[in-house]
Amino acid sequence: MKQIQVKKNILQSNDDLAEKNRVILEEKGVFTINLLGSPGAGKTSVLEQLIGNMKASTGMAVIEGDLYTTKDAERIEAQGIPVIQVNTGGACHLDAAMISEALHHLDLEKIRFLVIENVGNLVCPASYDLSEDMRITVLSITEGNDKPLKYPSMFQRSDVLIVNKMDLIQFTNFSMEELYRDIRSLNEDMKIFEVSCRTGEGFYDLCRFLKQSAMNKGGQKDA
C-alpha cells in the first residue's frame, strides 16, 4: 500500500509571533498552559476543577477558544475569574495572533496562571505554538484508548495527559494498560494523571504538580 506524506513549514509567522508573546508573558511572570483535547473530552470541566482548587492561592485567567459560541466562557466566568472569549469563525485551532489580541485585554500584572483552552480537535492545534509553558491533553475514557496512536502528534508534543471520566471506566472496554504502553512508545516523559470531574478524583495531585511546575519554571509571582 502506497503512503503519501505531506510536510510543509507554513508555521514560521505563527512561531515568530508566539515568541514575542512568550517574552511578554515571561516578563510578567505568567505561567501558561495550552489545554487541548477533542470535543467532549471534558476540557472545560477539567478547567472548572482546576479553578476551584487553585484560584484561592493563584491568580488565574482563561483564554477560551471556540468556533462560534460563548458557552464555555460563560461557565468559566461563573467561576469568578477573568476570561477572554476567542471565536475562530470556523478555524479548527487557536493561533499566536489570536492569543496576542487576547493578551491586550488581560491585566497580566494580576495573573500568575493563564490557561488557554484550545478548540476541540486532536489534529490542527498540535502544530501551533501559543507561547505555552506546558501542553496538556485531555483524553476521556469514553473516547477509547486508541487515540494516541491515531493522532500521535498531539501526544508526542504534549507534556501532560489527563485521562478524564475515570468514574466511567467500569462501563467501557477502555484498557489503561494499552494506553500507558502506547503513550510510552510515543512520549516516554509524558506525565499522566487519572481524574474524574464528577468525583474530584485525582485533582489534588494534578493541581499540586501544576503549582510546582510553575514555581520550577519561574512562572509564579510572589503572592
N, C-alpha and C. Protein backbone atom coordinates (compact mmCIF):
# COMPACT_ATOMS: atom_id res chain seq x y z
N MET A 1 0.85 -1.19 0.00
CA MET A 1 0.00 0.00 0.00
C MET A 1 0.89 1.24 0.00
N LYS A 2 0.64 2.16 -0.92
CA LYS A 2 1.45 3.37 -1.02
C LYS A 2 0.95 4.41 -0.03
N GLN A 3 1.88 5.05 0.68
CA GLN A 3 1.55 6.11 1.62
C GLN A 3 2.19 7.41 1.15
N ILE A 4 1.43 8.49 1.24
CA ILE A 4 1.91 9.80 0.83
C ILE A 4 2.01 10.68 2.07
N GLN A 5 3.18 11.25 2.32
CA GLN A 5 3.39 12.13 3.46
C GLN A 5 3.60 13.55 2.96
N VAL A 6 2.91 14.48 3.59
CA VAL A 6 3.00 15.89 3.21
C VAL A 6 3.58 16.67 4.37
N LYS A 7 4.69 17.34 4.14
CA LYS A 7 5.33 18.14 5.18
C LYS A 7 5.64 19.52 4.63
N LYS A 8 5.09 20.54 5.26
CA LYS A 8 5.35 21.91 4.83
C LYS A 8 5.57 22.78 6.06
N ASN A 9 6.56 23.62 5.99
CA ASN A 9 6.80 24.55 7.08
C ASN A 9 6.03 25.84 6.81
N ILE A 10 4.76 25.84 7.19
CA ILE A 10 3.90 27.00 6.95
C ILE A 10 3.62 27.75 8.25
N LEU A 11 4.38 27.44 9.29
CA LEU A 11 4.07 27.95 10.62
C LEU A 11 5.06 28.99 11.12
N GLN A 12 5.99 29.44 10.26
CA GLN A 12 7.05 30.31 10.75
C GLN A 12 6.51 31.63 11.30
N SER A 13 5.53 32.23 10.61
CA SER A 13 4.99 33.51 11.09
C SER A 13 4.31 33.34 12.43
N ASN A 14 3.61 32.21 12.61
CA ASN A 14 2.99 31.94 13.91
C ASN A 14 4.05 31.79 14.99
N ASP A 15 5.12 31.06 14.68
CA ASP A 15 6.18 30.84 15.66
C ASP A 15 6.85 32.15 16.05
N ASP A 16 7.04 33.03 15.07
CA ASP A 16 7.68 34.32 15.35
C ASP A 16 6.84 35.16 16.31
N LEU A 17 5.53 35.21 16.06
CA LEU A 17 4.65 35.98 16.93
C LEU A 17 4.51 35.31 18.29
N ALA A 18 4.49 33.99 18.30
CA ALA A 18 4.41 33.26 19.57
C ALA A 18 5.61 33.59 20.46
N GLU A 19 6.77 33.76 19.84
CA GLU A 19 7.96 34.09 20.62
C GLU A 19 7.84 35.48 21.23
N LYS A 20 7.26 36.41 20.49
CA LYS A 20 7.04 37.76 21.04
C LYS A 20 6.05 37.71 22.20
N ASN A 21 5.00 36.92 22.05
CA ASN A 21 4.04 36.76 23.15
C ASN A 21 4.71 36.13 24.36
N ARG A 22 5.59 35.18 24.10
CA ARG A 22 6.27 34.48 25.19
C ARG A 22 7.13 35.45 26.01
N VAL A 23 7.79 36.36 25.34
CA VAL A 23 8.61 37.35 26.04
C VAL A 23 7.74 38.19 26.98
N ILE A 24 6.58 38.60 26.50
CA ILE A 24 5.67 39.40 27.33
C ILE A 24 5.22 38.61 28.55
N LEU A 25 4.82 37.36 28.33
CA LEU A 25 4.33 36.53 29.43
C LEU A 25 5.43 36.25 30.45
N GLU A 26 6.64 36.01 29.97
CA GLU A 26 7.75 35.74 30.88
C GLU A 26 8.12 36.98 31.68
N GLU A 27 8.07 38.15 31.04
CA GLU A 27 8.38 39.39 31.75
C GLU A 27 7.38 39.65 32.87
N LYS A 28 6.13 39.24 32.66
CA LYS A 28 5.09 39.43 33.67
C LYS A 28 5.02 38.28 34.66
N GLY A 29 5.82 37.25 34.45
CA GLY A 29 5.83 36.11 35.37
C GLY A 29 4.59 35.26 35.29
N VAL A 30 4.04 35.11 34.09
CA VAL A 30 2.81 34.33 33.91
C VAL A 30 3.16 32.93 33.41
N PHE A 31 2.68 31.93 34.12
CA PHE A 31 2.83 30.53 33.69
C PHE A 31 1.63 30.17 32.83
N THR A 32 1.89 29.67 31.62
CA THR A 32 0.82 29.50 30.63
C THR A 32 0.67 28.04 30.22
N ILE A 33 -0.57 27.59 30.21
CA ILE A 33 -0.91 26.22 29.81
C ILE A 33 -1.77 26.26 28.55
N ASN A 34 -1.46 25.40 27.60
CA ASN A 34 -2.29 25.18 26.42
C ASN A 34 -3.06 23.88 26.67
N LEU A 35 -4.37 24.00 26.88
CA LEU A 35 -5.21 22.85 27.22
C LEU A 35 -5.89 22.34 25.95
N LEU A 36 -5.61 21.09 25.62
CA LEU A 36 -6.01 20.51 24.34
C LEU A 36 -6.87 19.27 24.54
N GLY A 37 -7.55 18.87 23.48
CA GLY A 37 -8.35 17.65 23.53
C GLY A 37 -9.48 17.72 22.52
N SER A 38 -10.10 16.59 22.29
CA SER A 38 -11.18 16.52 21.31
C SER A 38 -12.48 17.06 21.91
N PRO A 39 -13.48 17.37 21.07
CA PRO A 39 -14.78 17.77 21.60
C PRO A 39 -15.36 16.68 22.50
N GLY A 40 -15.84 17.08 23.67
CA GLY A 40 -16.44 16.11 24.58
C GLY A 40 -15.47 15.42 25.51
N ALA A 41 -14.17 15.74 25.40
CA ALA A 41 -13.20 15.11 26.29
C ALA A 41 -13.35 15.60 27.73
N GLY A 42 -13.94 16.79 27.88
CA GLY A 42 -14.14 17.34 29.22
C GLY A 42 -13.14 18.42 29.58
N LYS A 43 -12.61 19.13 28.59
CA LYS A 43 -11.62 20.17 28.86
C LYS A 43 -12.17 21.25 29.79
N THR A 44 -13.37 21.72 29.50
CA THR A 44 -13.94 22.80 30.32
C THR A 44 -14.25 22.30 31.73
N SER A 45 -14.71 21.08 31.84
CA SER A 45 -14.98 20.52 33.17
C SER A 45 -13.69 20.36 33.97
N VAL A 46 -12.62 19.93 33.30
CA VAL A 46 -11.31 19.85 33.96
C VAL A 46 -10.88 21.24 34.40
N LEU A 47 -11.07 22.22 33.53
CA LEU A 47 -10.68 23.59 33.85
C LEU A 47 -11.46 24.12 35.05
N GLU A 48 -12.73 23.81 35.12
CA GLU A 48 -13.54 24.22 36.27
C GLU A 48 -12.98 23.62 37.56
N GLN A 49 -12.56 22.38 37.51
CA GLN A 49 -11.97 21.74 38.68
C GLN A 49 -10.65 22.41 39.06
N LEU A 50 -9.83 22.73 38.07
CA LEU A 50 -8.56 23.40 38.36
C LEU A 50 -8.80 24.76 39.01
N ILE A 51 -9.76 25.49 38.48
CA ILE A 51 -10.07 26.81 39.04
C ILE A 51 -10.55 26.67 40.48
N GLY A 52 -11.45 25.73 40.71
CA GLY A 52 -11.98 25.53 42.05
C GLY A 52 -10.91 25.18 43.06
N ASN A 53 -9.89 24.46 42.62
CA ASN A 53 -8.83 24.02 43.52
C ASN A 53 -7.69 25.02 43.65
N MET A 54 -7.55 25.94 42.68
CA MET A 54 -6.34 26.77 42.64
C MET A 54 -6.57 28.28 42.73
N LYS A 55 -7.77 28.76 42.44
CA LYS A 55 -7.94 30.21 42.30
C LYS A 55 -7.71 30.95 43.62
N ALA A 56 -7.95 30.30 44.75
CA ALA A 56 -7.78 30.98 46.03
C ALA A 56 -6.32 31.32 46.30
N SER A 57 -5.41 30.49 45.79
CA SER A 57 -3.98 30.69 46.06
C SER A 57 -3.20 31.16 44.84
N THR A 58 -3.84 31.20 43.69
CA THR A 58 -3.14 31.53 42.45
C THR A 58 -4.02 32.42 41.59
N GLY A 59 -3.53 33.61 41.23
CA GLY A 59 -4.27 34.49 40.34
C GLY A 59 -4.41 33.85 38.97
N MET A 60 -5.63 33.55 38.56
CA MET A 60 -5.85 32.80 37.33
C MET A 60 -6.63 33.62 36.31
N ALA A 61 -6.44 33.28 35.04
CA ALA A 61 -7.24 33.82 33.95
C ALA A 61 -7.30 32.76 32.86
N VAL A 62 -8.30 32.90 31.98
CA VAL A 62 -8.52 31.91 30.93
C VAL A 62 -8.74 32.62 29.60
N ILE A 63 -8.12 32.09 28.56
CA ILE A 63 -8.47 32.44 27.18
C ILE A 63 -9.22 31.24 26.62
N GLU A 64 -10.46 31.47 26.24
CA GLU A 64 -11.35 30.38 25.85
C GLU A 64 -11.54 30.38 24.34
N GLY A 65 -11.11 29.30 23.68
CA GLY A 65 -11.24 29.18 22.24
C GLY A 65 -12.44 28.35 21.85
N ASP A 66 -13.20 28.83 20.88
CA ASP A 66 -14.35 28.08 20.37
C ASP A 66 -14.64 28.56 18.95
N LEU A 67 -15.35 27.74 18.21
CA LEU A 67 -15.66 28.12 16.84
C LEU A 67 -16.59 29.32 16.78
N TYR A 68 -17.71 29.25 17.51
CA TYR A 68 -18.72 30.30 17.39
C TYR A 68 -19.33 30.76 18.71
N THR A 69 -19.53 29.87 19.67
CA THR A 69 -20.33 30.22 20.84
C THR A 69 -19.49 30.77 22.00
N THR A 70 -20.19 31.22 23.04
CA THR A 70 -19.55 31.67 24.27
C THR A 70 -19.92 30.77 25.45
N LYS A 71 -20.46 29.61 25.18
CA LYS A 71 -20.99 28.75 26.24
C LYS A 71 -19.92 28.36 27.26
N ASP A 72 -18.74 27.95 26.79
CA ASP A 72 -17.70 27.55 27.73
C ASP A 72 -17.16 28.74 28.51
N ALA A 73 -17.02 29.88 27.84
CA ALA A 73 -16.55 31.08 28.53
C ALA A 73 -17.52 31.51 29.62
N GLU A 74 -18.80 31.34 29.38
CA GLU A 74 -19.80 31.68 30.39
C GLU A 74 -19.65 30.79 31.62
N ARG A 75 -19.33 29.53 31.40
CA ARG A 75 -19.11 28.62 32.52
C ARG A 75 -17.89 29.06 33.34
N ILE A 76 -16.84 29.48 32.65
CA ILE A 76 -15.63 29.92 33.34
C ILE A 76 -15.87 31.24 34.06
N GLU A 77 -16.58 32.15 33.43
CA GLU A 77 -16.88 33.44 34.05
C GLU A 77 -17.65 33.26 35.35
N ALA A 78 -18.50 32.24 35.38
CA ALA A 78 -19.28 31.96 36.59
C ALA A 78 -18.39 31.53 37.75
N GLN A 79 -17.15 31.13 37.45
CA GLN A 79 -16.20 30.74 38.49
C GLN A 79 -15.52 31.96 39.13
N GLY A 80 -15.77 33.14 38.56
CA GLY A 80 -15.26 34.36 39.17
C GLY A 80 -13.84 34.74 38.81
N ILE A 81 -13.38 34.31 37.63
CA ILE A 81 -12.04 34.71 37.20
C ILE A 81 -12.13 35.36 35.82
N PRO A 82 -11.13 36.16 35.43
CA PRO A 82 -11.16 36.81 34.12
C PRO A 82 -11.11 35.77 32.99
N VAL A 83 -11.93 36.00 31.97
CA VAL A 83 -11.94 35.10 30.81
C VAL A 83 -12.13 35.92 29.55
N ILE A 84 -11.36 35.60 28.53
CA ILE A 84 -11.47 36.23 27.22
C ILE A 84 -11.93 35.18 26.22
N GLN A 85 -13.04 35.45 25.55
CA GLN A 85 -13.55 34.53 24.54
C GLN A 85 -12.92 34.85 23.19
N VAL A 86 -12.37 33.82 22.54
CA VAL A 86 -11.86 33.95 21.18
C VAL A 86 -12.67 33.02 20.29
N ASN A 87 -13.45 33.59 19.38
CA ASN A 87 -14.19 32.80 18.40
C ASN A 87 -13.42 32.78 17.09
N THR A 88 -13.13 31.59 16.61
CA THR A 88 -12.27 31.45 15.44
C THR A 88 -13.03 31.56 14.12
N GLY A 89 -14.37 31.58 14.18
CA GLY A 89 -15.15 31.69 12.96
C GLY A 89 -15.06 30.47 12.07
N GLY A 90 -14.78 29.32 12.67
CA GLY A 90 -14.71 28.08 11.91
C GLY A 90 -13.34 27.46 11.86
N ALA A 91 -12.30 28.23 12.18
CA ALA A 91 -10.94 27.67 12.20
C ALA A 91 -10.83 26.64 13.32
N CYS A 92 -10.09 25.57 13.06
CA CYS A 92 -10.07 24.43 13.98
C CYS A 92 -9.01 24.54 15.07
N HIS A 93 -8.42 25.73 15.25
CA HIS A 93 -7.38 25.89 16.27
C HIS A 93 -7.20 27.36 16.57
N LEU A 94 -6.62 27.65 17.71
CA LEU A 94 -6.16 29.00 18.02
C LEU A 94 -4.77 29.18 17.44
N ASP A 95 -4.37 30.46 17.26
CA ASP A 95 -3.01 30.73 16.80
C ASP A 95 -2.43 31.89 17.59
N ALA A 96 -1.17 32.20 17.33
CA ALA A 96 -0.47 33.20 18.12
C ALA A 96 -1.08 34.59 17.96
N ALA A 97 -1.61 34.91 16.78
CA ALA A 97 -2.23 36.22 16.57
C ALA A 97 -3.47 36.38 17.45
N MET A 98 -4.25 35.32 17.57
CA MET A 98 -5.43 35.36 18.43
C MET A 98 -5.04 35.55 19.89
N ILE A 99 -3.97 34.87 20.30
CA ILE A 99 -3.51 35.00 21.69
C ILE A 99 -2.97 36.40 21.94
N SER A 100 -2.25 36.95 20.97
CA SER A 100 -1.72 38.31 21.11
C SER A 100 -2.84 39.31 21.35
N GLU A 101 -3.91 39.19 20.58
CA GLU A 101 -5.05 40.09 20.74
C GLU A 101 -5.69 39.90 22.11
N ALA A 102 -5.84 38.66 22.54
CA ALA A 102 -6.47 38.39 23.84
C ALA A 102 -5.65 38.96 24.99
N LEU A 103 -4.33 38.88 24.88
CA LEU A 103 -3.46 39.37 25.96
C LEU A 103 -3.64 40.86 26.20
N HIS A 104 -4.01 41.60 25.17
CA HIS A 104 -4.23 43.04 25.32
C HIS A 104 -5.43 43.34 26.22
N HIS A 105 -6.29 42.36 26.43
CA HIS A 105 -7.50 42.57 27.22
C HIS A 105 -7.38 41.98 28.63
N LEU A 106 -6.19 41.52 28.99
CA LEU A 106 -5.97 40.96 30.32
C LEU A 106 -4.97 41.81 31.10
N ASP A 107 -5.21 41.96 32.39
CA ASP A 107 -4.27 42.66 33.26
C ASP A 107 -3.23 41.64 33.73
N LEU A 108 -2.15 41.53 32.98
CA LEU A 108 -1.15 40.50 33.26
C LEU A 108 -0.43 40.70 34.58
N GLU A 109 -0.48 41.91 35.12
CA GLU A 109 0.14 42.16 36.42
C GLU A 109 -0.54 41.36 37.53
N LYS A 110 -1.81 41.03 37.32
CA LYS A 110 -2.58 40.33 38.35
C LYS A 110 -2.69 38.83 38.09
N ILE A 111 -2.09 38.38 37.00
CA ILE A 111 -2.26 36.98 36.60
C ILE A 111 -0.98 36.20 36.86
N ARG A 112 -1.11 35.08 37.52
CA ARG A 112 0.02 34.19 37.77
C ARG A 112 -0.07 32.93 36.91
N PHE A 113 -1.31 32.57 36.55
CA PHE A 113 -1.56 31.28 35.92
C PHE A 113 -2.59 31.49 34.82
N LEU A 114 -2.16 31.33 33.56
CA LEU A 114 -3.05 31.54 32.41
C LEU A 114 -3.29 30.21 31.72
N VAL A 115 -4.56 29.87 31.54
CA VAL A 115 -4.92 28.65 30.83
C VAL A 115 -5.59 29.03 29.51
N ILE A 116 -5.07 28.50 28.42
CA ILE A 116 -5.66 28.69 27.10
C ILE A 116 -6.39 27.40 26.75
N GLU A 117 -7.71 27.44 26.74
CA GLU A 117 -8.47 26.25 26.32
C GLU A 117 -8.64 26.31 24.81
N ASN A 118 -7.95 25.42 24.13
CA ASN A 118 -7.94 25.42 22.67
C ASN A 118 -9.25 24.85 22.12
N VAL A 119 -9.43 25.03 20.83
CA VAL A 119 -10.59 24.46 20.14
C VAL A 119 -10.51 22.94 20.19
N GLY A 120 -11.65 22.28 20.35
CA GLY A 120 -11.68 20.83 20.44
C GLY A 120 -11.26 20.17 19.14
N ASN A 121 -10.07 19.56 19.15
CA ASN A 121 -9.51 18.97 17.94
C ASN A 121 -8.21 18.27 18.32
N LEU A 122 -7.98 17.09 17.80
CA LEU A 122 -6.74 16.36 18.10
C LEU A 122 -5.71 16.46 16.98
N VAL A 123 -5.97 17.30 15.98
CA VAL A 123 -5.05 17.38 14.85
C VAL A 123 -4.40 18.76 14.76
N CYS A 124 -5.14 19.74 14.27
CA CYS A 124 -4.57 21.07 13.97
C CYS A 124 -3.89 21.76 15.14
N PRO A 125 -4.48 21.78 16.34
CA PRO A 125 -3.85 22.54 17.43
C PRO A 125 -2.46 22.04 17.80
N ALA A 126 -2.15 20.80 17.48
CA ALA A 126 -0.85 20.25 17.86
C ALA A 126 0.31 20.99 17.22
N SER A 127 0.07 21.64 16.08
CA SER A 127 1.15 22.26 15.32
C SER A 127 1.39 23.73 15.65
N TYR A 128 0.52 24.33 16.47
CA TYR A 128 0.59 25.78 16.68
C TYR A 128 1.10 26.13 18.07
N ASP A 129 2.22 26.82 18.10
CA ASP A 129 2.80 27.33 19.34
C ASP A 129 1.96 28.50 19.82
N LEU A 130 1.48 28.42 21.06
CA LEU A 130 0.70 29.51 21.65
C LEU A 130 1.45 30.16 22.82
N SER A 131 2.76 30.02 22.83
CA SER A 131 3.61 30.60 23.87
C SER A 131 3.45 29.91 25.21
N GLU A 132 2.97 28.68 25.19
CA GLU A 132 2.71 27.97 26.43
C GLU A 132 3.99 27.47 27.09
N ASP A 133 3.95 27.38 28.41
CA ASP A 133 5.00 26.70 29.16
C ASP A 133 4.75 25.20 29.21
N MET A 134 3.48 24.82 29.10
CA MET A 134 3.11 23.42 29.22
C MET A 134 1.91 23.12 28.34
N ARG A 135 1.99 21.99 27.65
CA ARG A 135 0.84 21.50 26.88
C ARG A 135 0.21 20.33 27.63
N ILE A 136 -1.10 20.44 27.81
CA ILE A 136 -1.84 19.38 28.48
C ILE A 136 -2.94 18.89 27.55
N THR A 137 -2.97 17.59 27.32
CA THR A 137 -4.04 16.99 26.51
C THR A 137 -4.99 16.23 27.43
N VAL A 138 -6.28 16.44 27.21
CA VAL A 138 -7.31 15.72 27.95
C VAL A 138 -7.87 14.63 27.05
N LEU A 139 -7.87 13.41 27.56
CA LEU A 139 -8.45 12.26 26.85
C LEU A 139 -9.47 11.62 27.78
N SER A 140 -10.69 11.44 27.30
CA SER A 140 -11.72 10.85 28.15
C SER A 140 -11.82 9.35 27.91
N ILE A 141 -12.24 8.66 28.94
CA ILE A 141 -12.44 7.22 28.86
C ILE A 141 -13.40 6.85 27.73
N THR A 142 -14.40 7.68 27.52
CA THR A 142 -15.43 7.37 26.52
C THR A 142 -14.92 7.51 25.09
N GLU A 143 -13.75 8.11 24.89
CA GLU A 143 -13.19 8.22 23.54
C GLU A 143 -12.50 6.94 23.08
N GLY A 144 -12.12 6.09 24.02
CA GLY A 144 -11.36 4.90 23.68
C GLY A 144 -9.87 5.12 23.82
N ASN A 145 -9.13 4.03 24.02
CA ASN A 145 -7.69 4.15 24.27
C ASN A 145 -6.84 4.11 23.00
N ASP A 146 -7.49 4.16 21.83
CA ASP A 146 -6.75 4.11 20.57
C ASP A 146 -6.28 5.47 20.07
N LYS A 147 -6.69 6.55 20.72
CA LYS A 147 -6.42 7.89 20.19
C LYS A 147 -4.94 8.25 20.11
N PRO A 148 -4.09 7.88 21.06
CA PRO A 148 -2.67 8.27 20.93
C PRO A 148 -2.02 7.78 19.64
N LEU A 149 -2.29 6.56 19.23
CA LEU A 149 -1.67 6.05 18.01
C LEU A 149 -2.34 6.60 16.76
N LYS A 150 -3.61 6.98 16.86
CA LYS A 150 -4.31 7.54 15.71
C LYS A 150 -3.96 9.01 15.49
N TYR A 151 -3.63 9.71 16.57
CA TYR A 151 -3.30 11.13 16.50
C TYR A 151 -1.98 11.38 17.23
N PRO A 152 -0.88 10.80 16.75
CA PRO A 152 0.36 10.80 17.52
C PRO A 152 0.97 12.17 17.78
N SER A 153 0.83 13.11 16.85
CA SER A 153 1.47 14.42 17.04
C SER A 153 1.00 15.11 18.32
N MET A 154 -0.29 15.02 18.59
CA MET A 154 -0.83 15.67 19.78
C MET A 154 -0.18 15.12 21.04
N PHE A 155 0.01 13.82 21.09
CA PHE A 155 0.53 13.19 22.30
C PHE A 155 2.06 13.28 22.36
N GLN A 156 2.70 13.31 21.22
CA GLN A 156 4.16 13.48 21.20
C GLN A 156 4.57 14.87 21.65
N ARG A 157 3.72 15.86 21.38
CA ARG A 157 4.07 17.25 21.66
C ARG A 157 3.49 17.78 22.97
N SER A 158 2.81 16.92 23.71
CA SER A 158 2.23 17.35 24.98
C SER A 158 3.12 16.91 26.14
N ASP A 159 3.05 17.69 27.21
CA ASP A 159 3.83 17.39 28.41
C ASP A 159 3.05 16.54 29.40
N VAL A 160 1.73 16.71 29.39
CA VAL A 160 0.87 16.05 30.38
C VAL A 160 -0.35 15.47 29.68
N LEU A 161 -0.75 14.29 30.12
CA LEU A 161 -2.01 13.69 29.68
C LEU A 161 -2.93 13.57 30.89
N ILE A 162 -4.13 14.12 30.75
CA ILE A 162 -5.17 13.94 31.76
C ILE A 162 -6.17 12.93 31.22
N VAL A 163 -6.28 11.80 31.87
CA VAL A 163 -7.27 10.79 31.49
C VAL A 163 -8.52 11.08 32.31
N ASN A 164 -9.54 11.58 31.65
CA ASN A 164 -10.74 12.08 32.32
C ASN A 164 -11.87 11.04 32.28
N LYS A 165 -12.83 11.23 33.18
CA LYS A 165 -14.03 10.38 33.29
C LYS A 165 -13.68 8.97 33.76
N MET A 166 -12.72 8.90 34.69
CA MET A 166 -12.32 7.60 35.22
C MET A 166 -13.47 6.88 35.91
N ASP A 167 -14.47 7.63 36.37
CA ASP A 167 -15.62 7.02 37.03
C ASP A 167 -16.45 6.17 36.07
N LEU A 168 -16.20 6.31 34.76
CA LEU A 168 -16.97 5.55 33.76
C LEU A 168 -16.23 4.33 33.23
N ILE A 169 -15.01 4.12 33.67
CA ILE A 169 -14.19 3.08 33.05
C ILE A 169 -14.80 1.69 33.20
N GLN A 170 -15.52 1.48 34.28
CA GLN A 170 -16.11 0.15 34.51
C GLN A 170 -17.20 -0.18 33.50
N PHE A 171 -17.70 0.84 32.81
CA PHE A 171 -18.76 0.63 31.83
C PHE A 171 -18.24 0.54 30.40
N THR A 172 -16.92 0.53 30.24
CA THR A 172 -16.32 0.53 28.91
C THR A 172 -15.31 -0.61 28.80
N ASN A 173 -14.76 -0.76 27.60
CA ASN A 173 -13.66 -1.71 27.40
C ASN A 173 -12.32 -0.98 27.28
N PHE A 174 -12.26 0.23 27.83
CA PHE A 174 -11.04 1.03 27.80
C PHE A 174 -9.93 0.29 28.54
N SER A 175 -8.76 0.19 27.91
CA SER A 175 -7.63 -0.51 28.52
C SER A 175 -6.57 0.49 28.96
N MET A 176 -6.42 0.67 30.26
CA MET A 176 -5.37 1.55 30.76
C MET A 176 -3.99 0.99 30.44
N GLU A 177 -3.87 -0.33 30.46
CA GLU A 177 -2.59 -0.96 30.15
C GLU A 177 -2.14 -0.61 28.72
N GLU A 178 -3.07 -0.71 27.77
CA GLU A 178 -2.74 -0.37 26.39
C GLU A 178 -2.45 1.12 26.25
N LEU A 179 -3.21 1.94 26.95
CA LEU A 179 -2.98 3.38 26.88
C LEU A 179 -1.58 3.73 27.34
N TYR A 180 -1.18 3.23 28.50
CA TYR A 180 0.15 3.53 29.02
C TYR A 180 1.23 3.02 28.08
N ARG A 181 1.03 1.84 27.52
CA ARG A 181 2.00 1.28 26.59
C ARG A 181 2.15 2.17 25.36
N ASP A 182 1.02 2.60 24.81
CA ASP A 182 1.06 3.42 23.60
C ASP A 182 1.66 4.80 23.88
N ILE A 183 1.30 5.38 25.02
CA ILE A 183 1.86 6.69 25.37
C ILE A 183 3.37 6.60 25.53
N ARG A 184 3.85 5.57 26.21
CA ARG A 184 5.29 5.44 26.43
C ARG A 184 6.04 5.21 25.11
N SER A 185 5.37 4.61 24.13
CA SER A 185 6.02 4.41 22.83
C SER A 185 6.13 5.73 22.06
N LEU A 186 5.27 6.69 22.38
CA LEU A 186 5.27 7.98 21.69
C LEU A 186 6.03 9.06 22.45
N ASN A 187 5.90 9.03 23.78
CA ASN A 187 6.41 10.13 24.60
C ASN A 187 6.67 9.59 26.01
N GLU A 188 7.86 9.06 26.20
CA GLU A 188 8.15 8.37 27.46
C GLU A 188 8.22 9.30 28.65
N ASP A 189 8.34 10.61 28.42
CA ASP A 189 8.44 11.57 29.52
C ASP A 189 7.09 12.17 29.90
N MET A 190 6.04 11.81 29.21
CA MET A 190 4.74 12.41 29.46
C MET A 190 4.22 12.02 30.85
N LYS A 191 3.78 13.03 31.60
CA LYS A 191 3.14 12.78 32.90
C LYS A 191 1.67 12.44 32.66
N ILE A 192 1.15 11.46 33.39
CA ILE A 192 -0.23 11.02 33.21
C ILE A 192 -0.97 11.13 34.54
N PHE A 193 -2.13 11.77 34.49
CA PHE A 193 -2.99 11.89 35.67
C PHE A 193 -4.37 11.33 35.33
N GLU A 194 -4.88 10.49 36.21
CA GLU A 194 -6.20 9.90 36.04
C GLU A 194 -7.18 10.66 36.93
N VAL A 195 -8.23 11.24 36.33
CA VAL A 195 -9.13 12.09 37.10
C VAL A 195 -10.59 11.80 36.77
N SER A 196 -11.43 12.30 37.65
CA SER A 196 -12.88 12.30 37.42
C SER A 196 -13.42 13.66 37.85
N CYS A 197 -14.02 14.38 36.92
CA CYS A 197 -14.61 15.67 37.27
C CYS A 197 -15.86 15.49 38.13
N ARG A 198 -16.50 14.34 38.02
CA ARG A 198 -17.71 14.10 38.80
C ARG A 198 -17.39 13.86 40.27
N THR A 199 -16.32 13.10 40.54
CA THR A 199 -15.99 12.76 41.92
C THR A 199 -14.86 13.62 42.49
N GLY A 200 -14.10 14.29 41.62
CA GLY A 200 -12.95 15.05 42.07
C GLY A 200 -11.68 14.23 42.19
N GLU A 201 -11.77 12.95 41.89
CA GLU A 201 -10.61 12.05 41.97
C GLU A 201 -9.44 12.59 41.14
N GLY A 202 -8.26 12.58 41.73
CA GLY A 202 -7.04 12.88 41.01
C GLY A 202 -6.65 14.34 40.93
N PHE A 203 -7.53 15.26 41.31
CA PHE A 203 -7.23 16.68 41.10
C PHE A 203 -6.27 17.25 42.14
N TYR A 204 -6.23 16.67 43.32
CA TYR A 204 -5.27 17.16 44.31
C TYR A 204 -3.85 17.00 43.79
N ASP A 205 -3.53 15.81 43.29
CA ASP A 205 -2.19 15.55 42.78
C ASP A 205 -1.90 16.38 41.53
N LEU A 206 -2.89 16.52 40.65
CA LEU A 206 -2.71 17.30 39.44
C LEU A 206 -2.42 18.76 39.77
N CYS A 207 -3.20 19.35 40.64
CA CYS A 207 -3.01 20.76 40.99
C CYS A 207 -1.68 20.98 41.70
N ARG A 208 -1.30 20.06 42.55
CA ARG A 208 0.00 20.18 43.22
C ARG A 208 1.13 20.14 42.20
N PHE A 209 1.01 19.27 41.21
CA PHE A 209 2.02 19.18 40.16
C PHE A 209 2.09 20.48 39.35
N LEU A 210 0.94 21.05 39.01
CA LEU A 210 0.92 22.27 38.21
C LEU A 210 1.53 23.44 38.97
N LYS A 211 1.19 23.56 40.24
CA LYS A 211 1.76 24.64 41.04
C LYS A 211 3.27 24.50 41.16
N GLN A 212 3.73 23.28 41.37
CA GLN A 212 5.17 23.06 41.50
C GLN A 212 5.87 23.32 40.17
N SER A 213 5.26 22.93 39.08
CA SER A 213 5.85 23.16 37.76
C SER A 213 5.98 24.65 37.48
N ALA A 214 4.97 25.41 37.86
CA ALA A 214 5.02 26.86 37.67
C ALA A 214 6.15 27.47 38.49
N MET A 215 6.31 27.01 39.71
CA MET A 215 7.38 27.52 40.56
C MET A 215 8.75 27.14 40.00
N ASN A 216 8.87 25.91 39.51
CA ASN A 216 10.15 25.44 38.97
C ASN A 216 10.57 26.22 37.73
N LYS A 217 9.59 26.63 36.93
CA LYS A 217 9.89 27.37 35.71
C LYS A 217 9.94 28.87 35.93
N GLY A 218 9.77 29.27 37.19
CA GLY A 218 9.86 30.70 37.49
C GLY A 218 8.65 31.48 37.03
N GLY A 219 7.53 30.77 36.82
CA GLY A 219 6.35 31.45 36.30
C GLY A 219 5.44 32.02 37.36
N GLN A 220 5.74 31.75 38.64
CA GLN A 220 4.85 32.24 39.68
C GLN A 220 5.42 33.50 40.32
N LYS A 221 4.59 34.54 40.39
CA LYS A 221 4.96 35.75 41.11
C LYS A 221 4.82 35.50 42.60
N ASP A 222 5.47 36.32 43.35
CA ASP A 222 5.27 36.26 44.80
C ASP A 222 3.85 36.66 45.13
N ALA A 223 3.25 35.92 46.07
CA ALA A 223 1.87 36.23 46.45
C ALA A 223 1.79 37.60 47.11
